[in-house]
Amino acid sequence: MKKLLTILCALLLTLSAQAQYRVIMNPEYDRPEGVPDLEPKRVELTDTATVLHISVNSNFSGYALGEVWLKTGDKKYTLRGGRRISTFGQGKAAYEKDETIPFRNSKGDTVLVSHVPKEEPFVEWKKYEHTSVADSLVMWFDPLPADATVFDFSTDILNISLTKSIQYDWEQHILPMPDVVPDSCFEAIAAMFPGKVVFIDLWATWCGPCNQGIRKMAPIKEELAGKDVVFVYLTNETSDKDLWKKSIAGIKGYHLMLPNDYWDKLPCNIEHSGIPQYALFDRQGKRVLYWIGFADGAEQHFKEGILKALGE
């Protein structure tokens, strides 16, 4: 009997864990006539939020969205916040400015200039000018119920389907591939965790300094346990896949293996500077730190940056 209860408890915990994060890519939907050419590309369902990623697929002189909410059944779910990311051409990210933002080499010197994607908070009823192909909106709402199968996005997009989902590997915290161009990859990953501070580590299984950095960060992660910070580890196909899966079982956090051609276009200097590289995003999804290499004492610098982003 005791063994049976243990199995049942484990099953319930597994089901509960799987319900905490679900991703739906390119969902089916109905769009009424006369509304902007908006397309839902991705829906993220968690116990704490529903995050909707929308693409603007045509050039407009301007568009405005008002009274934004999600609705399933007879209940509306409130917009908590959002942002618009400007793009141009074939989805290449537009840059608002060049800015030096703790972008450091292995010696700890701030020597490189980083592009800051042009983005702004989403505001209801604001008319957005100079829109272009592949503009994107990221909005997060109160969480939908676990049994919801469809929902409406205001009156603009109806019957968005939640029945086609990508299985989320909860056991090893393997994230789904972001449905964005490489220039927006880091921001898209940060948006998966609304309201959280996100620390991104670019590494590979064969990279000695990368593994050393992961080991040195382990005690810092234990110190920060229970705080609103998540750790995300990105690698590419140069890492042996079997070894990668075995390795990440012992690395607490979220993981993703990116295709090589996507990895090579990430908005950082991997080709010239190598790995490891690190990025830190605050609760609003803004990058506040970028670092190349793992010099002595880097773990304490990262800890200070994370605490600052947490407001502590």
Protein backbone atom coordinates (compact mmCIF):
# COMPACT_ATOMS: atom_id res chain seq x y z
CA MET A 1 0.00 0.00 0.00
CA LYS A 2 2.81 2.42 0.94
CA LYS A 3 4.53 1.71 -2.37
CA LEU A 4 1.27 2.35 -4.26
CA LEU A 5 0.76 5.68 -2.47
CA THR A 6 4.33 6.68 -3.34
CA ILE A 7 3.73 5.91 -7.02
CA LEU A 8 0.45 7.87 -7.00
CA CYS A 9 2.11 10.86 -5.34
CA ALA A 10 4.92 10.80 -7.89
CA LEU A 11 2.38 10.65 -10.73
CA LEU A 12 0.44 13.61 -9.33
CA LEU A 13 3.64 15.63 -8.96
CA THR A 14 4.59 14.81 -12.54
CA LEU A 15 1.20 15.91 -13.85
CA SER A 16 1.38 19.07 -11.79
CA ALA A 17 4.86 19.88 -13.08
CA GLN A 18 3.84 19.35 -16.69
CA ALA A 19 0.91 21.75 -16.25
CA GLN A 20 3.17 24.56 -15.09
CA TYR A 21 4.59 25.33 -18.52
CA ARG A 22 3.06 24.71 -21.93
CA VAL A 23 3.96 26.32 -25.25
CA ILE A 24 1.72 26.54 -28.32
CA MET A 25 3.43 27.56 -31.55
CA ASN A 26 1.62 29.12 -34.54
CA PRO A 27 -1.86 28.38 -33.12
CA GLU A 28 -4.97 28.19 -35.27
CA TYR A 29 -7.33 31.19 -34.98
CA ASP A 30 -10.01 33.32 -36.65
CA ARG A 31 -9.33 36.96 -37.52
CA PRO A 32 -12.31 39.28 -38.17
CA GLU A 33 -12.33 41.48 -41.27
CA GLY A 34 -11.00 45.00 -41.01
CA VAL A 35 -8.38 44.49 -38.28
CA PRO A 36 -4.60 44.87 -38.67
CA ASP A 37 -2.74 41.89 -40.07
CA LEU A 38 -1.82 40.49 -36.66
CA GLU A 39 -0.77 36.87 -36.24
CA PRO A 40 -0.38 35.00 -32.95
CA LYS A 41 2.91 33.12 -33.21
CA ARG A 42 3.34 31.72 -29.75
CA VAL A 43 1.39 31.24 -26.52
CA GLU A 44 3.07 30.39 -23.21
CA LEU A 45 0.88 29.07 -20.43
CA THR A 46 2.19 28.97 -16.87
CA ASP A 47 0.62 28.95 -13.43
CA THR A 48 1.40 32.65 -13.04
CA ALA A 49 0.86 34.21 -16.48
CA THR A 50 -0.26 33.80 -20.08
CA VAL A 51 2.26 35.29 -22.52
CA LEU A 52 1.12 36.03 -26.08
CA HIS A 53 3.61 36.75 -28.89
CA ILE A 54 2.05 38.46 -31.91
CA SER A 55 3.64 39.35 -35.26
CA VAL A 56 2.59 42.30 -37.43
CA ASN A 57 2.86 40.83 -40.89
CA SER A 58 2.31 43.86 -43.12
CA ASN A 59 3.42 47.47 -43.40
CA PHE A 60 0.91 49.93 -41.93
CA SER A 61 0.90 53.70 -41.67
CA GLY A 62 0.08 52.98 -38.05
CA TYR A 63 -2.04 50.76 -35.87
CA ALA A 64 -3.59 50.97 -32.43
CA LEU A 65 -4.99 48.27 -30.18
CA GLY A 66 -7.47 49.19 -27.50
CA GLU A 67 -9.20 47.43 -24.59
CA VAL A 68 -6.73 44.56 -24.75
CA TRP A 69 -7.67 41.42 -22.86
CA LEU A 70 -7.93 37.66 -23.22
CA LYS A 71 -11.28 35.92 -22.90
CA THR A 72 -12.24 32.28 -22.49
CA GLY A 73 -15.81 31.33 -21.70
CA ASP A 74 -17.46 34.33 -20.05
CA LYS A 75 -14.38 35.55 -18.19
CA LYS A 76 -11.87 38.19 -19.25
CA TYR A 77 -8.20 38.07 -18.21
CA THR A 78 -6.39 41.33 -17.60
CA LEU A 79 -3.38 42.67 -19.48
CA ARG A 80 -0.45 43.03 -17.06
CA GLY A 81 2.05 44.59 -19.44
CA GLY A 82 3.79 44.22 -22.75
CA ARG A 83 6.23 45.60 -25.25
CA ARG A 84 6.57 46.25 -28.96
CA ILE A 85 9.82 45.34 -30.74
CA SER A 86 10.43 47.30 -33.96
CA THR A 87 11.91 45.57 -36.98
CA PHE A 88 12.52 46.27 -40.64
CA GLY A 89 13.24 44.41 -43.85
CA GLN A 90 12.89 40.65 -43.51
CA GLY A 91 12.59 40.57 -39.75
CA LYS A 92 16.05 41.94 -39.00
CA ALA A 93 15.97 43.73 -35.66
CA ALA A 94 16.02 47.52 -35.76
CA TYR A 95 18.43 49.14 -33.34
CA GLU A 96 17.48 52.17 -31.31
CA LYS A 97 21.04 53.08 -30.38
CA ASP A 98 24.52 51.80 -29.63
CA GLU A 99 25.29 51.72 -25.96
CA THR A 100 28.15 50.49 -23.79
CA ILE A 101 26.53 48.39 -21.10
CA PRO A 102 29.02 46.31 -19.02
CA PHE A 103 30.10 44.43 -22.17
CA ARG A 104 33.38 42.96 -20.98
CA ASN A 105 36.28 40.91 -22.25
CA SER A 106 38.02 38.14 -20.32
CA LYS A 107 40.06 40.74 -18.41
CA GLY A 108 36.92 42.47 -17.19
CA ASP A 109 37.41 45.61 -19.30
CA THR A 110 34.41 47.32 -20.88
CA VAL A 111 35.64 47.44 -24.45
CA LEU A 112 32.82 46.60 -26.83
CA VAL A 113 29.67 48.40 -27.91
CA SER A 114 26.33 46.59 -27.79
CA HIS A 115 23.27 47.21 -29.94
CA VAL A 116 20.06 47.90 -28.04
CA PRO A 117 16.98 46.64 -29.94
CA LYS A 118 14.41 49.32 -30.59
CA GLU A 119 11.49 48.51 -28.36
CA GLU A 120 8.97 50.33 -26.22
CA PRO A 121 6.27 49.47 -23.70
CA PHE A 122 2.97 48.50 -25.26
CA VAL A 123 0.30 51.13 -24.56
CA GLU A 124 -3.39 50.56 -25.21
CA TRP A 125 -4.92 52.88 -27.82
CA LYS A 126 -1.51 54.29 -28.80
CA LYS A 127 -1.07 54.64 -32.55
CA TYR A 128 2.22 53.03 -33.52
CA GLU A 129 3.84 54.71 -36.51
CA HIS A 130 6.43 53.35 -38.94
CA THR A 131 5.44 49.75 -38.48
CA SER A 132 7.12 47.21 -40.71
CA VAL A 133 7.15 43.58 -41.69
CA ALA A 134 7.82 41.36 -38.67
CA ASP A 135 7.19 43.95 -35.97
CA SER A 136 6.31 41.96 -32.87
CA LEU A 137 4.28 42.43 -29.71
CA VAL A 138 4.87 40.49 -26.49
CA MET A 139 2.07 40.79 -23.92
CA TRP A 140 1.44 38.99 -20.67
CA PHE A 141 -1.93 38.52 -18.98
CA ASP A 142 -3.41 36.90 -15.91
CA PRO A 143 -3.13 33.09 -16.27
CA LEU A 144 -5.80 31.22 -18.20
CA PRO A 145 -7.41 28.18 -16.51
CA ALA A 146 -5.68 24.85 -17.05
CA ASP A 147 -8.69 23.40 -18.88
CA ALA A 148 -8.97 26.23 -21.45
CA THR A 149 -8.81 25.04 -25.07
CA VAL A 150 -9.49 28.32 -26.92
CA PHE A 151 -9.42 32.02 -26.11
CA ASP A 152 -10.01 35.40 -27.78
CA PHE A 153 -7.51 38.25 -27.98
CA SER A 154 -9.84 41.23 -27.51
CA THR A 155 -11.99 41.46 -30.66
CA ASP A 156 -9.04 41.28 -33.04
CA ILE A 157 -8.16 37.55 -33.00
CA LEU A 158 -10.78 34.96 -32.06
CA ASN A 159 -10.78 31.27 -31.16
CA ILE A 160 -7.04 30.98 -30.69
CA SER A 161 -6.46 27.25 -30.29
CA LEU A 162 -4.58 25.80 -27.34
CA THR A 163 -4.91 22.19 -28.46
CA LYS A 164 -1.71 22.03 -30.51
CA SER A 165 1.19 22.28 -28.12
CA ILE A 166 4.88 21.47 -28.03
CA GLN A 167 5.69 19.09 -25.21
CA TYR A 168 7.80 20.77 -22.60
CA ASP A 169 10.49 18.50 -21.17
CA TRP A 170 9.92 19.30 -17.50
CA GLU A 171 12.32 16.66 -16.24
CA GLN A 172 15.34 18.40 -17.75
CA HIS A 173 13.85 21.90 -18.20
CA ILE A 174 14.54 21.93 -21.94
CA LEU A 175 13.01 25.08 -23.43
CA PRO A 176 11.27 25.23 -26.81
CA MET A 177 13.05 26.98 -29.67
CA PRO A 178 12.17 30.72 -29.77
CA ASP A 179 10.07 31.62 -32.82
CA VAL A 180 12.08 34.78 -33.54
CA VAL A 181 15.07 35.89 -35.62
CA PRO A 182 18.45 35.36 -33.87
CA ASP A 183 18.81 39.09 -33.13
CA SER A 184 15.80 38.83 -30.80
CA CYS A 185 16.65 35.43 -29.29
CA PHE A 186 17.83 36.62 -25.87
CA GLU A 187 14.86 38.97 -25.45
CA ALA A 188 12.45 36.19 -26.47
CA ILE A 189 13.95 33.84 -23.88
CA ALA A 190 13.72 36.55 -21.19
CA ALA A 191 10.06 37.04 -22.17
CA MET A 192 9.38 33.38 -21.34
CA PHE A 193 9.77 34.35 -17.68
CA PRO A 194 7.72 37.55 -17.21
CA GLY A 195 8.56 39.43 -14.03
CA LYS A 196 11.70 37.35 -13.45
CA VAL A 197 15.37 38.26 -13.64
CA VAL A 198 16.97 36.04 -16.30
CA PHE A 199 20.66 35.05 -16.42
CA ILE A 200 21.74 33.54 -19.76
CA ASP A 201 24.92 31.45 -20.06
CA LEU A 202 26.33 30.57 -23.51
CA TRP A 203 28.43 27.43 -23.20
CA ALA A 204 29.40 24.09 -24.75
CA THR A 205 30.14 20.67 -23.30
CA TRP A 206 33.69 20.71 -24.75
CA CYS A 207 34.52 24.20 -23.38
CA GLY A 208 36.72 24.03 -20.25
CA PRO A 209 36.22 27.68 -19.15
CA CYS A 210 32.46 27.26 -19.67
CA ASN A 211 32.31 24.25 -17.37
CA GLN A 212 34.53 25.97 -14.82
CA GLY A 213 32.16 28.95 -14.83
CA ILE A 214 29.15 26.69 -14.31
CA ARG A 215 30.86 25.02 -11.34
CA LYS A 216 31.81 28.36 -9.78
CA MET A 217 28.27 29.70 -10.21
CA ALA A 218 26.69 26.69 -8.48
CA PRO A 219 27.15 28.07 -4.91
CA ILE A 220 25.83 31.47 -6.03
CA LYS A 221 22.73 29.79 -7.42
CA GLU A 222 22.20 28.05 -4.08
CA GLU A 223 22.49 31.40 -2.28
CA LEU A 224 19.88 32.90 -4.62
CA ALA A 225 17.49 29.93 -4.37
CA GLY A 226 13.92 31.07 -3.78
CA LYS A 227 14.44 34.49 -5.40
CA ASP A 228 12.86 35.64 -8.68
CA VAL A 229 15.83 34.71 -10.85
CA VAL A 230 16.13 31.93 -13.43
CA PHE A 231 19.26 30.57 -15.10
CA VAL A 232 19.18 29.63 -18.79
CA TYR A 233 21.99 27.69 -20.51
CA LEU A 234 22.34 27.89 -24.30
CA THR A 235 24.60 25.69 -26.41
CA ASN A 236 24.76 24.68 -30.06
CA GLU A 237 25.15 21.51 -32.11
CA THR A 238 28.92 21.37 -31.56
CA SER A 239 28.04 19.90 -28.16
CA ASP A 240 27.53 16.15 -28.33
CA LYS A 241 23.80 15.73 -27.80
CA ASP A 242 24.02 12.65 -25.58
CA LEU A 243 26.74 14.21 -23.44
CA TRP A 244 24.75 17.47 -23.29
CA LYS A 245 21.63 15.70 -22.00
CA LYS A 246 23.71 13.85 -19.44
CA SER A 247 25.47 17.06 -18.36
CA ILE A 248 22.38 19.23 -17.94
CA ALA A 249 20.85 16.71 -15.55
CA GLY A 250 23.31 18.11 -13.00
CA ILE A 251 22.94 21.80 -13.94
CA LYS A 252 19.95 23.46 -12.28
CA GLY A 253 18.17 25.81 -14.65
CA TYR A 254 16.66 25.83 -18.13
CA HIS A 255 18.42 24.53 -21.22
CA LEU A 256 18.28 24.82 -25.00
CA MET A 257 20.45 23.54 -27.87
CA LEU A 258 20.34 26.00 -30.79
CA PRO A 259 21.03 25.02 -34.42
CA ASN A 260 24.51 26.11 -35.54
CA ASP A 261 23.28 28.48 -38.26
CA TYR A 262 21.01 30.20 -35.73
CA TRP A 263 23.75 30.33 -33.06
CA ASP A 264 26.17 31.99 -35.50
CA LYS A 265 23.75 34.91 -35.98
CA LEU A 266 23.16 35.66 -32.29
CA PRO A 267 23.65 39.35 -31.37
CA CYS A 268 27.06 38.87 -29.73
CA ASN A 269 30.67 38.33 -30.76
CA ILE A 270 31.02 34.57 -30.39
CA GLU A 271 33.12 34.15 -33.55
CA HIS A 272 35.79 36.61 -32.39
CA SER A 273 35.51 36.36 -28.61
CA GLY A 274 34.55 32.73 -28.03
CA ILE A 275 32.60 31.34 -25.10
CA PRO A 276 31.54 31.45 -22.35
CA GLN A 277 29.44 34.60 -22.68
CA TYR A 278 26.77 35.83 -20.30
CA ALA A 279 23.74 38.14 -20.44
CA LEU A 280 21.50 39.39 -17.63
CA PHE A 281 17.96 40.70 -18.10
CA ASP A 282 15.95 42.59 -15.49
CA ARG A 283 12.29 42.04 -14.57
CA GLN A 284 11.16 44.23 -17.49
CA GLY A 285 13.10 42.15 -20.03
CA LYS A 286 15.85 44.75 -20.51
CA ARG A 287 19.44 43.60 -20.86
CA VAL A 288 21.47 45.14 -18.05
CA LEU A 289 24.74 43.20 -18.29
CA TYR A 290 26.83 41.43 -20.90
CA TRP A 291 30.10 39.64 -20.11
CA ILE A 292 32.67 37.67 -22.11
CA GLY A 293 34.79 34.96 -20.46
CA PHE A 294 34.89 33.84 -16.85
CA ALA A 295 37.67 35.71 -15.04
CA ASP A 296 38.46 35.26 -11.34
CA GLY A 297 35.72 36.78 -9.21
CA ALA A 298 33.19 36.88 -12.06
CA GLU A 299 30.70 34.89 -9.99
CA GLN A 300 30.59 37.65 -7.35
CA HIS A 301 30.11 40.28 -10.06
CA PHE A 302 27.22 38.25 -11.48
CA LYS A 303 25.70 37.88 -8.02
CA GLU A 304 25.84 41.65 -7.46
CA GLY A 305 24.25 42.26 -10.87
CA ILE A 306 21.46 39.79 -10.17
CA LEU A 307 20.70 41.30 -6.75
CA LYS A 308 20.65 44.77 -8.29
CA ALA A 309 18.24 43.61 -11.02
CA LEU A 310 16.06 42.09 -8.28
CA GLY A 311 16.04 45.45 -6.51
CA GLU A 312 17.99 44.17 -3.51
